Amino acid sequence: MNRSPRGLLVFCVIIVLVSAIGVVYSRFASRKLFVELQKLRSEREAVDVQWGRLQLEQGALATNVRIEKIARAKLDMHIPAPRDVRVVSR
Protein backbone atom coordinates (compact mmCIF):
# COMPACT_ATOMS: atom_id res chain seq x y z
CA MET A 1 0.00 0.00 0.00
CA ASN A 2 2.42 2.54 -1.20
CA ARG A 3 0.36 5.57 -2.16
CA SER A 4 1.87 8.61 -3.67
CA PRO A 5 1.10 12.01 -2.17
CA ARG A 6 -0.50 12.97 -5.48
CA GLY A 7 -2.94 10.04 -5.35
CA LEU A 8 -3.82 10.88 -1.75
CA LEU A 9 -4.45 14.51 -2.76
CA VAL A 10 -6.75 13.44 -5.60
CA PHE A 11 -8.62 11.13 -3.21
CA CYS A 12 -9.04 13.94 -0.67
CA VAL A 13 -10.27 16.36 -3.35
CA ILE A 14 -12.84 13.81 -4.52
CA ILE A 15 -14.02 13.22 -0.96
CA VAL A 16 -14.30 16.98 -0.32
CA LEU A 17 -16.28 17.46 -3.57
CA VAL A 18 -18.65 14.60 -2.74
CA SER A 19 -19.11 16.02 0.74
CA ALA A 20 -19.79 19.50 -0.65
CA ILE A 21 -22.36 18.14 -3.08
CA GLY A 22 -23.99 16.27 -0.19
CA VAL A 23 -24.18 19.45 1.88
CA VAL A 24 -25.68 21.44 -1.01
CA TYR A 25 -28.26 18.73 -1.67
CA SER A 26 -29.10 18.50 2.03
CA ARG A 27 -29.65 22.28 2.26
CA PHE A 28 -31.80 22.23 -0.88
CA ALA A 29 -33.95 19.40 0.47
CA SER A 30 -34.24 21.17 3.81
CA ARG A 31 -35.44 24.40 2.18
CA LYS A 32 -37.87 22.51 -0.01
CA LEU A 33 -39.36 20.73 3.03
CA PHE A 34 -39.52 24.00 4.98
CA VAL A 35 -41.49 25.65 2.16
CA GLU A 36 -43.85 22.67 2.12
CA LEU A 37 -44.25 22.93 5.90
CA GLN A 38 -45.12 26.62 5.67
CA LYS A 39 -47.66 25.90 2.94
CA LEU A 40 -49.30 23.16 5.03
CA ARG A 41 -49.41 25.42 8.08
CA SER A 42 -51.17 28.16 6.13
CA GLU A 43 -53.63 25.61 4.74
CA ARG A 44 -54.28 24.35 8.27
CA GLU A 45 -54.96 27.90 9.47
CA ALA A 46 -57.41 28.44 6.59
CA VAL A 47 -59.18 25.19 7.41
CA ASP A 48 -59.35 26.16 11.10
CA VAL A 49 -60.94 29.50 10.19
CA GLN A 50 -63.43 27.78 7.91
CA TRP A 51 -64.23 25.23 10.65
CA GLY A 52 -64.94 28.06 13.09
CA ARG A 53 -67.26 29.73 10.61
CA LEU A 54 -69.09 26.47 9.98
CA GLN A 55 -69.54 25.90 13.71
CA LEU A 56 -71.00 29.40 14.09
CA GLU A 57 -73.29 28.83 11.13
CA GLN A 58 -74.42 25.49 12.53
CA GLY A 59 -75.15 27.10 15.87
CA ALA A 60 -77.21 29.80 14.19
CA LEU A 61 -79.12 27.33 12.02
CA ALA A 62 -79.86 24.91 14.84
CA THR A 63 -81.58 27.29 17.25
CA ASN A 64 -84.92 26.10 18.60
CA VAL A 65 -86.70 29.24 17.44
CA ARG A 66 -85.53 28.80 13.87
CA ILE A 67 -86.39 25.09 13.79
CA GLU A 68 -89.86 25.80 15.17
CA LYS A 69 -90.42 28.58 12.62
CA ILE A 70 -89.45 26.27 9.72
CA ALA A 71 -91.60 23.47 11.13
CA ARG A 72 -94.62 25.79 11.24
CA ALA A 73 -94.04 27.41 7.84
CA LYS A 74 -92.86 24.57 5.63
CA LEU A 75 -94.22 21.46 7.35
CA ASP A 76 -97.43 22.96 8.75
CA MET A 77 -96.60 21.58 12.19
CA HIS A 78 -97.97 22.95 15.44
CA ILE A 79 -97.78 22.31 19.16
CA PRO A 80 -100.61 19.92 20.11
CA ALA A 81 -103.33 21.05 22.46
CA PRO A 82 -103.15 19.51 25.95
CA ARG A 83 -106.26 17.43 25.19
CA ASP A 84 -104.41 15.81 22.24
CA VAL A 85 -101.43 14.74 24.32
CA ARG A 86 -101.36 11.16 25.58
CA VAL A 87 -98.85 9.99 28.18
CA VAL A 88 -97.87 6.36 27.82
CA SER A 89 -96.30 4.60 30.77
CA ARG A 90 -95.52 0.99 31.54
PDB file of N, CA and C in Angstrom:
ATOM      1  N   MET A   1       0.827  -1.181   0.000  1.00  0.00           N
ATOM      2  CA  MET A   1       0.000   0.000   0.000  1.00  0.00           C
ATOM      3  C   MET A   1       0.867   1.239   0.000  1.00  0.00           C
ATOM      4  N   ASN A   2       1.570   1.386  -1.036  1.00  0.00           N
ATOM      5  CA  ASN A   2       2.423   2.542  -1.201  1.00  0.00           C
ATOM      6  C   ASN A   2       1.681   3.567  -2.051  1.00  0.00           C
ATOM      7  N   ARG A   3       1.095   4.553  -1.410  1.00  0.00           N
ATOM      8  CA  ARG A   3       0.361   5.567  -2.163  1.00  0.00           C
ATOM      9  C   ARG A   3       1.226   6.799  -2.301  1.00  0.00           C
ATOM     10  N   SER A   4       1.100   7.386  -3.463  1.00  0.00           N
ATOM     11  CA  SER A   4       1.866   8.609  -3.674  1.00  0.00           C
ATOM     12  C   SER A   4       1.086   9.785  -3.087  1.00  0.00           C
ATOM     13  N   PRO A   5       1.783  10.836  -2.724  1.00  0.00           N
ATOM     14  CA  PRO A   5       1.099  12.010  -2.169  1.00  0.00           C
ATOM     15  C   PRO A   5       0.100  12.594  -3.173  1.00  0.00           C
ATOM     16  N   ARG A   6       0.388  12.449  -4.452  1.00  0.00           N
ATOM     17  CA  ARG A   6      -0.502  12.973  -5.479  1.00  0.00           C
ATOM     18  C   ARG A   6      -1.822  12.175  -5.495  1.00  0.00           C
ATOM     19  N   GLY A   7      -1.738  10.884  -5.387  1.00  0.00           N
ATOM     20  CA  GLY A   7      -2.939  10.041  -5.349  1.00  0.00           C
ATOM     21  C   GLY A   7      -3.776  10.329  -4.114  1.00  0.00           C
ATOM     22  N   LEU A   8      -3.117  10.552  -2.984  1.00  0.00           N
ATOM     23  CA  LEU A   8      -3.820  10.880  -1.753  1.00  0.00           C
ATOM     24  C   LEU A   8      -4.526  12.239  -1.887  1.00  0.00           C
ATOM     25  N   LEU A   9      -3.867  13.184  -2.540  1.00  0.00           N
ATOM     26  CA  LEU A   9      -4.448  14.505  -2.761  1.00  0.00           C
ATOM     27  C   LEU A   9      -5.702  14.405  -3.642  1.00  0.00           C
ATOM     28  N   VAL A  10      -5.601  13.616  -4.707  1.00  0.00           N
ATOM     29  CA  VAL A  10      -6.747  13.436  -5.603  1.00  0.00           C
ATOM     30  C   VAL A  10      -7.904  12.787  -4.825  1.00  0.00           C
ATOM     31  N   PHE A  11      -7.592  11.800  -4.024  1.00  0.00           N
ATOM     32  CA  PHE A  11      -8.616  11.128  -3.215  1.00  0.00           C
ATOM     33  C   PHE A  11      -9.290  12.118  -2.256  1.00  0.00           C
ATOM     34  N   CYS A  12      -8.496  12.946  -1.599  1.00  0.00           N
ATOM     35  CA  CYS A  12      -9.044  13.944  -0.666  1.00  0.00           C
ATOM     36  C   CYS A  12      -9.914  14.972  -1.392  1.00  0.00           C
ATOM     37  N   VAL A  13      -9.475  15.391  -2.570  1.00  0.00           N
ATOM     38  CA  VAL A  13     -10.266  16.359  -3.345  1.00  0.00           C
ATOM     39  C   VAL A  13     -11.607  15.743  -3.735  1.00  0.00           C
ATOM     40  N   ILE A  14     -11.601  14.491  -4.149  1.00  0.00           N
ATOM     41  CA  ILE A  14     -12.839  13.809  -4.525  1.00  0.00           C
ATOM     42  C   ILE A  14     -13.768  13.708  -3.317  1.00  0.00           C
ATOM     43  N   ILE A  15     -13.221  13.336  -2.178  1.00  0.00           N
ATOM     44  CA  ILE A  15     -14.015  13.223  -0.960  1.00  0.00           C
ATOM     45  C   ILE A  15     -14.606  14.577  -0.576  1.00  0.00           C
ATOM     46  N   VAL A  16     -13.811  15.634  -0.665  1.00  0.00           N
ATOM     47  CA  VAL A  16     -14.296  16.976  -0.322  1.00  0.00           C
ATOM     48  C   VAL A  16     -15.411  17.393  -1.289  1.00  0.00           C
ATOM     49  N   LEU A  17     -15.244  17.116  -2.586  1.00  0.00           N
ATOM     50  CA  LEU A  17     -16.276  17.465  -3.566  1.00  0.00           C
ATOM     51  C   LEU A  17     -17.571  16.688  -3.319  1.00  0.00           C
ATOM     52  N   VAL A  18     -17.458  15.411  -3.036  1.00  0.00           N
ATOM     53  CA  VAL A  18     -18.649  14.604  -2.743  1.00  0.00           C
ATOM     54  C   VAL A  18     -19.334  15.129  -1.487  1.00  0.00           C
ATOM     55  N   SER A  19     -18.558  15.469  -0.488  1.00  0.00           N
ATOM     56  CA  SER A  19     -19.110  16.018   0.744  1.00  0.00           C
ATOM     57  C   SER A  19     -19.811  17.356   0.484  1.00  0.00           C
ATOM     58  N   ALA A  20     -19.202  18.200  -0.323  1.00  0.00           N
ATOM     59  CA  ALA A  20     -19.788  19.501  -0.651  1.00  0.00           C
ATOM     60  C   ALA A  20     -21.103  19.327  -1.397  1.00  0.00           C
ATOM     61  N   ILE A  21     -21.122  18.404  -2.347  1.00  0.00           N
ATOM     62  CA  ILE A  21     -22.361  18.145  -3.083  1.00  0.00           C
ATOM     63  C   ILE A  21     -23.436  17.625  -2.127  1.00  0.00           C
ATOM     64  N   GLY A  22     -23.046  16.777  -1.193  1.00  0.00           N
ATOM     65  CA  GLY A  22     -23.990  16.274  -0.194  1.00  0.00           C
ATOM     66  C   GLY A  22     -24.569  17.388   0.670  1.00  0.00           C
ATOM     67  N   VAL A  23     -23.726  18.327   1.065  1.00  0.00           N
ATOM     68  CA  VAL A  23     -24.183  19.454   1.881  1.00  0.00           C
ATOM     69  C   VAL A  23     -25.153  20.323   1.082  1.00  0.00           C
ATOM     70  N   VAL A  24     -24.807  20.605  -0.172  1.00  0.00           N
ATOM     71  CA  VAL A  24     -25.680  21.436  -1.011  1.00  0.00           C
ATOM     72  C   VAL A  24     -27.030  20.754  -1.202  1.00  0.00           C
ATOM     73  N   TYR A  25     -27.005  19.457  -1.490  1.00  0.00           N
ATOM     74  CA  TYR A  25     -28.262  18.727  -1.668  1.00  0.00           C
ATOM     75  C   TYR A  25     -29.083  18.716  -0.386  1.00  0.00           C
ATOM     76  N   SER A  26     -28.413  18.524   0.742  1.00  0.00           N
ATOM     77  CA  SER A  26     -29.099  18.504   2.031  1.00  0.00           C
ATOM     78  C   SER A  26     -29.766  19.849   2.321  1.00  0.00           C
ATOM     79  N   ARG A  27     -29.085  20.931   2.055  1.00  0.00           N
ATOM     80  CA  ARG A  27     -29.652  22.277   2.264  1.00  0.00           C
ATOM     81  C   ARG A  27     -30.828  22.516   1.333  1.00  0.00           C
ATOM     82  N   PHE A  28     -30.706  22.079   0.088  1.00  0.00           N
ATOM     83  CA  PHE A  28     -31.795  22.228  -0.884  1.00  0.00           C
ATOM     84  C   PHE A  28     -33.027  21.466  -0.421  1.00  0.00           C
ATOM     85  N   ALA A  29     -32.828  20.224   0.006  1.00  0.00           N
ATOM     86  CA  ALA A  29     -33.949  19.404   0.471  1.00  0.00           C
ATOM     87  C   ALA A  29     -34.578  20.018   1.721  1.00  0.00           C
ATOM     88  N   SER A  30     -33.744  20.536   2.599  1.00  0.00           N
ATOM     89  CA  SER A  30     -34.244  21.165   3.815  1.00  0.00           C
ATOM     90  C   SER A  30     -35.104  22.381   3.489  1.00  0.00           C
ATOM     91  N   ARG A  31     -34.664  23.220   2.586  1.00  0.00           N
ATOM     92  CA  ARG A  31     -35.439  24.402   2.181  1.00  0.00           C
ATOM     93  C   ARG A  31     -36.750  23.995   1.519  1.00  0.00           C
ATOM     94  N   LYS A  32     -36.673  22.983   0.675  1.00  0.00           N
ATOM     95  CA  LYS A  32     -37.874  22.510  -0.005  1.00  0.00           C
ATOM     96  C   LYS A  32     -38.904  21.997   1.011  1.00  0.00           C
ATOM     97  N   LEU A  33     -38.456  21.231   1.986  1.00  0.00           N
ATOM     98  CA  LEU A  33     -39.357  20.727   3.025  1.00  0.00           C
ATOM     99  C   LEU A  33     -39.894  21.847   3.901  1.00  0.00           C
ATOM    100  N   PHE A  34     -39.072  22.866   4.172  1.00  0.00           N
ATOM    101  CA  PHE A  34     -39.524  23.997   4.978  1.00  0.00           C
ATOM    102  C   PHE A  34     -40.620  24.768   4.254  1.00  0.00           C
ATOM    103  N   VAL A  35     -40.456  24.968   2.949  1.00  0.00           N
ATOM    104  CA  VAL A  35     -41.490  25.650   2.160  1.00  0.00           C
ATOM    105  C   VAL A  35     -42.782  24.844   2.189  1.00  0.00           C
ATOM    106  N   GLU A  36     -42.672  23.540   2.060  1.00  0.00           N
ATOM    107  CA  GLU A  36     -43.853  22.666   2.117  1.00  0.00           C
ATOM    108  C   GLU A  36     -44.517  22.761   3.491  1.00  0.00           C
ATOM    109  N   LEU A  37     -43.717  22.798   4.542  1.00  0.00           N
ATOM    110  CA  LEU A  37     -44.246  22.929   5.897  1.00  0.00           C
ATOM    111  C   LEU A  37     -45.011  24.239   6.059  1.00  0.00           C
ATOM    112  N   GLN A  38     -44.452  25.328   5.583  1.00  0.00           N
ATOM    113  CA  GLN A  38     -45.119  26.622   5.674  1.00  0.00           C
ATOM    114  C   GLN A  38     -46.443  26.610   4.904  1.00  0.00           C
ATOM    115  N   LYS A  39     -46.444  25.985   3.748  1.00  0.00           N
ATOM    116  CA  LYS A  39     -47.659  25.896   2.939  1.00  0.00           C
ATOM    117  C   LYS A  39     -48.733  25.105   3.686  1.00  0.00           C
ATOM    118  N   LEU A  40     -48.344  23.981   4.286  1.00  0.00           N
ATOM    119  CA  LEU A  40     -49.295  23.164   5.029  1.00  0.00           C
ATOM    120  C   LEU A  40     -49.807  23.885   6.268  1.00  0.00           C
ATOM    121  N   ARG A  41     -48.960  24.651   6.917  1.00  0.00           N
ATOM    122  CA  ARG A  41     -49.411  25.424   8.082  1.00  0.00           C
ATOM    123  C   ARG A  41     -50.440  26.470   7.683  1.00  0.00           C
ATOM    124  N   SER A  42     -50.202  27.156   6.569  1.00  0.00           N
ATOM    125  CA  SER A  42     -51.173  28.163   6.135  1.00  0.00           C
ATOM    126  C   SER A  42     -52.480  27.506   5.715  1.00  0.00           C
ATOM    127  N   GLU A  43     -52.408  26.331   5.084  1.00  0.00           N
ATOM    128  CA  GLU A  43     -53.634  25.605   4.739  1.00  0.00           C
ATOM    129  C   GLU A  43     -54.384  25.195   6.002  1.00  0.00           C
ATOM    130  N   ARG A  44     -53.654  24.746   7.008  1.00  0.00           N
ATOM    131  CA  ARG A  44     -54.280  24.355   8.271  1.00  0.00           C
ATOM    132  C   ARG A  44     -54.987  25.544   8.921  1.00  0.00           C
ATOM    133  N   GLU A  45     -54.341  26.707   8.898  1.00  0.00           N
ATOM    134  CA  GLU A  45     -54.963  27.899   9.467  1.00  0.00           C
ATOM    135  C   GLU A  45     -56.236  28.253   8.713  1.00  0.00           C
ATOM    136  N   ALA A  46     -56.210  28.143   7.384  1.00  0.00           N
ATOM    137  CA  ALA A  46     -57.405  28.439   6.591  1.00  0.00           C
ATOM    138  C   ALA A  46     -58.523  27.457   6.912  1.00  0.00           C
ATOM    139  N   VAL A  47     -58.177  26.190   7.075  1.00  0.00           N
ATOM    140  CA  VAL A  47     -59.184  25.189   7.409  1.00  0.00           C
ATOM    141  C   VAL A  47     -59.735  25.444   8.812  1.00  0.00           C
ATOM    142  N   ASP A  48     -58.882  25.842   9.747  1.00  0.00           N
ATOM    143  CA  ASP A  48     -59.351  26.157  11.102  1.00  0.00           C
ATOM    144  C   ASP A  48     -60.327  27.324  11.091  1.00  0.00           C
ATOM    145  N   VAL A  49     -60.034  28.343  10.297  1.00  0.00           N
ATOM    146  CA  VAL A  49     -60.936  29.499  10.185  1.00  0.00           C
ATOM    147  C   VAL A  49     -62.269  29.059   9.585  1.00  0.00           C
ATOM    148  N   GLN A  50     -62.210  28.266   8.536  1.00  0.00           N
ATOM    149  CA  GLN A  50     -63.434  27.777   7.909  1.00  0.00           C
ATOM    150  C   GLN A  50     -64.234  26.913   8.889  1.00  0.00           C
ATOM    151  N   TRP A  51     -63.560  26.075   9.665  1.00  0.00           N
ATOM    152  CA  TRP A  51     -64.232  25.232  10.646  1.00  0.00           C
ATOM    153  C   TRP A  51     -64.953  26.091  11.687  1.00  0.00           C
ATOM    154  N   GLY A  52     -64.305  27.146  12.134  1.00  0.00           N
ATOM    155  CA  GLY A  52     -64.936  28.055  13.092  1.00  0.00           C
ATOM    156  C   GLY A  52     -66.184  28.708  12.514  1.00  0.00           C
ATOM    157  N   ARG A  53     -66.086  29.129  11.267  1.00  0.00           N
ATOM    158  CA  ARG A  53     -67.256  29.730  10.606  1.00  0.00           C
ATOM    159  C   ARG A  53     -68.393  28.721  10.482  1.00  0.00           C
ATOM    160  N   LEU A  54     -68.056  27.491  10.117  1.00  0.00           N
ATOM    161  CA  LEU A  54     -69.092  26.469   9.980  1.00  0.00           C
ATOM    162  C   LEU A  54     -69.744  26.151  11.323  1.00  0.00           C
ATOM    163  N   GLN A  55     -68.959  26.147  12.386  1.00  0.00           N
ATOM    164  CA  GLN A  55     -69.536  25.905  13.707  1.00  0.00           C
ATOM    165  C   GLN A  55     -70.493  27.028  14.101  1.00  0.00           C
ATOM    166  N   LEU A  56     -70.109  28.278  13.799  1.00  0.00           N
ATOM    167  CA  LEU A  56     -71.001  29.402  14.089  1.00  0.00           C
ATOM    168  C   LEU A  56     -72.281  29.305  13.268  1.00  0.00           C
ATOM    169  N   GLU A  57     -72.121  28.963  12.005  1.00  0.00           N
ATOM    170  CA  GLU A  57     -73.286  28.831  11.132  1.00  0.00           C
ATOM    171  C   GLU A  57     -74.202  27.709  11.621  1.00  0.00           C
ATOM    172  N   GLN A  58     -73.629  26.602  12.016  1.00  0.00           N
ATOM    173  CA  GLN A  58     -74.422  25.489  12.525  1.00  0.00           C
ATOM    174  C   GLN A  58     -75.164  25.900  13.794  1.00  0.00           C
ATOM    175  N   GLY A  59     -74.493  26.627  14.647  1.00  0.00           N
ATOM    176  CA  GLY A  59     -75.149  27.097  15.867  1.00  0.00           C
ATOM    177  C   GLY A  59     -76.311  28.021  15.567  1.00  0.00           C
ATOM    178  N   ALA A  60     -76.138  28.880  14.559  1.00  0.00           N
ATOM    179  CA  ALA A  60     -77.214  29.796  14.188  1.00  0.00           C
ATOM    180  C   ALA A  60     -78.373  29.054  13.528  1.00  0.00           C
ATOM    181  N   LEU A  61     -78.069  28.052  12.741  1.00  0.00           N
ATOM    182  CA  LEU A  61     -79.122  27.328  12.023  1.00  0.00           C
ATOM    183  C   LEU A  61     -79.863  26.330  12.907  1.00  0.00           C
ATOM    184  N   ALA A  62     -79.265  25.942  14.003  1.00  0.00           N
ATOM    185  CA  ALA A  62     -79.859  24.905  14.839  1.00  0.00           C
ATOM    186  C   ALA A  62     -80.580  25.461  16.066  1.00  0.00           C
ATOM    187  N   THR A  63     -80.877  26.742  16.094  1.00  0.00           N
ATOM    188  CA  THR A  63     -81.584  27.286  17.253  1.00  0.00           C
ATOM    189  C   THR A  63     -83.017  26.774  17.266  1.00  0.00           C
ATOM    190  N   ASN A  64     -83.560  26.621  18.460  1.00  0.00           N
ATOM    191  CA  ASN A  64     -84.915  26.098  18.602  1.00  0.00           C
ATOM    192  C   ASN A  64     -85.954  27.003  17.934  1.00  0.00           C
ATOM    193  N   VAL A  65     -85.747  28.307  18.040  1.00  0.00           N
ATOM    194  CA  VAL A  65     -86.701  29.243  17.440  1.00  0.00           C
ATOM    195  C   VAL A  65     -86.730  29.069  15.931  1.00  0.00           C
ATOM    196  N   ARG A  66     -85.585  28.951  15.329  1.00  0.00           N
ATOM    197  CA  ARG A  66     -85.528  28.800  13.868  1.00  0.00           C
ATOM    198  C   ARG A  66     -86.150  27.472  13.430  1.00  0.00           C
ATOM    199  N   ILE A  67     -85.845  26.405  14.142  1.00  0.00           N
ATOM    200  CA  ILE A  67     -86.394  25.093  13.789  1.00  0.00           C
ATOM    201  C   ILE A  67     -87.916  25.104  13.926  1.00  0.00           C
ATOM    202  N   GLU A  68     -88.408  25.723  14.996  1.00  0.00           N
ATOM    203  CA  GLU A  68     -89.859  25.800  15.173  1.00  0.00           C
ATOM    204  C   GLU A  68     -90.509  26.634  14.065  1.00  0.00           C
ATOM    205  N   LYS A  69     -89.881  27.714  13.691  1.00  0.00           N
ATOM    206  CA  LYS A  69     -90.415  28.577  12.624  1.00  0.00           C
ATOM    207  C   LYS A  69     -90.497  27.811  11.301  1.00  0.00           C
ATOM    208  N   ILE A  70     -89.455  27.057  10.967  1.00  0.00           N
ATOM    209  CA  ILE A  70     -89.448  26.269   9.723  1.00  0.00           C
ATOM    210  C   ILE A  70     -90.496  25.161   9.801  1.00  0.00           C
ATOM    211  N   ALA A  71     -90.615  24.534  10.971  1.00  0.00           N
ATOM    212  CA  ALA A  71     -91.604  23.466  11.128  1.00  0.00           C
ATOM    213  C   ALA A  71     -93.019  24.001  10.922  1.00  0.00           C
ATOM    214  N   ARG A  72     -93.287  25.193  11.419  1.00  0.00           N
ATOM    215  CA  ARG A  72     -94.619  25.785  11.239  1.00  0.00           C
ATOM    216  C   ARG A  72     -94.850  26.206   9.788  1.00  0.00           C
ATOM    217  N   ALA A  73     -93.857  26.843   9.179  1.00  0.00           N
ATOM    218  CA  ALA A  73     -94.043  27.410   7.838  1.00  0.00           C
ATOM    219  C   ALA A  73     -94.024  26.346   6.745  1.00  0.00           C
ATOM    220  N   LYS A  74     -93.029  25.503   6.742  1.00  0.00           N
ATOM    221  CA  LYS A  74     -92.857  24.566   5.629  1.00  0.00           C
ATOM    222  C   LYS A  74     -93.571  23.234   5.842  1.00  0.00           C
ATOM    223  N   LEU A  75     -93.652  22.779   7.079  1.00  0.00           N
ATOM    224  CA  LEU A  75     -94.221  21.462   7.347  1.00  0.00           C
ATOM    225  C   LEU A  75     -95.617  21.533   7.959  1.00  0.00           C
ATOM    226  N   ASP A  76     -96.097  22.744   8.180  1.00  0.00           N
ATOM    227  CA  ASP A  76     -97.430  22.965   8.751  1.00  0.00           C
ATOM    228  C   ASP A  76     -97.588  22.209  10.072  1.00  0.00           C
ATOM    229  N   MET A  77     -96.554  22.242  10.893  1.00  0.00           N
ATOM    230  CA  MET A  77     -96.596  21.578  12.191  1.00  0.00           C
ATOM    231  C   MET A  77     -97.022  22.580  13.259  1.00  0.00           C
ATOM    232  N   HIS A  78     -97.549  22.091  14.343  1.00  0.00           N
ATOM    233  CA  HIS A  78     -97.966  22.950  15.444  1.00  0.00           C
ATOM    234  C   HIS A  78     -97.830  22.180  16.753  1.00  0.00           C
ATOM    235  N   ILE A  79     -97.845  22.931  17.844  1.00  0.00           N
ATOM    236  CA  ILE A  79     -97.778  22.309  19.160  1.00  0.00           C
ATOM    237  C   ILE A  79     -99.169  21.757  19.461  1.00  0.00           C
ATOM    238  N   PRO A  80     -99.283  20.501  19.855  1.00  0.00           N
ATOM    239  CA  PRO A  80    -100.608  19.919  20.111  1.00  0.00           C
ATOM    240  C   PRO A  80    -101.270  20.536  21.342  1.00  0.00           C
ATOM    241  N   ALA A  81    -102.569  20.558  21.298  1.00  0.00           N
ATOM    242  CA  ALA A  81    -103.334  21.046  22.458  1.00  0.00           C
ATOM    243  C   ALA A  81    -103.191  20.018  23.576  1.00  0.00           C
ATOM    244  N   PRO A  82    -103.305  20.462  24.822  1.00  0.00           N
ATOM    245  CA  PRO A  82    -103.150  19.515  25.946  1.00  0.00           C
ATOM    246  C   PRO A  82    -104.108  18.329  25.859  1.00  0.00           C
ATOM    247  N   ARG A  83    -105.306  18.525  25.303  1.00  0.00           N
ATOM    248  CA  ARG A  83    -106.260  17.430  25.195  1.00  0.00           C
ATOM    249  C   ARG A  83    -105.813  16.386  24.193  1.00  0.00           C
ATOM    250  N   ASP A  84    -104.902  16.743  23.264  1.00  0.00           N
ATOM    251  CA  ASP A  84    -104.410  15.814  22.244  1.00  0.00           C
ATOM    252  C   ASP A  84    -103.162  15.044  22.683  1.00  0.00           C
ATOM    253  N   VAL A  85    -102.658  15.373  23.830  1.00  0.00           N
ATOM    254  CA  VAL A  85    -101.426  14.742  24.319  1.00  0.00           C
ATOM    255  C   VAL A  85    -101.786  13.503  25.128  1.00  0.00           C
ATOM    256  N   ARG A  86    -101.150  12.408  24.844  1.00  0.00           N
ATOM    257  CA  ARG A  86    -101.359  11.160  25.575  1.00  0.00           C
ATOM    258  C   ARG A  86    -100.027  10.756  26.220  1.00  0.00           C
ATOM    259  N   VAL A  87    -100.048  10.425  27.472  1.00  0.00           N
ATOM    260  CA  VAL A  87     -98.849   9.988  28.178  1.00  0.00           C
ATOM    261  C   VAL A  87     -98.920   8.477  28.280  1.00  0.00           C
ATOM    262  N   VAL A  88     -97.925   7.824  27.799  1.00  0.00           N
ATOM    263  CA  VAL A  88     -97.873   6.363  27.821  1.00  0.00           C
ATOM    264  C   VAL A  88     -96.842   5.944  28.857  1.00  0.00           C
ATOM    265  N   SER A  89     -97.247   5.088  29.764  1.00  0.00           N
ATOM    266  CA  SER A  89     -96.303   4.599  30.769  1.00  0.00           C
ATOM    267  C   SER A  89     -96.438   3.094  30.872  1.00  0.00           C
ATOM    268  N   ARG A  90     -95.500   2.460  31.424  1.00  0.00           N
ATOM    269  CA  ARG A  90     -95.518   0.993  31.541  1.00  0.00           C
ATOM    270  C   ARG A  90     -96.277   0.544  32.732  1.00  0.00           C
TER     271      ARG A  90
END
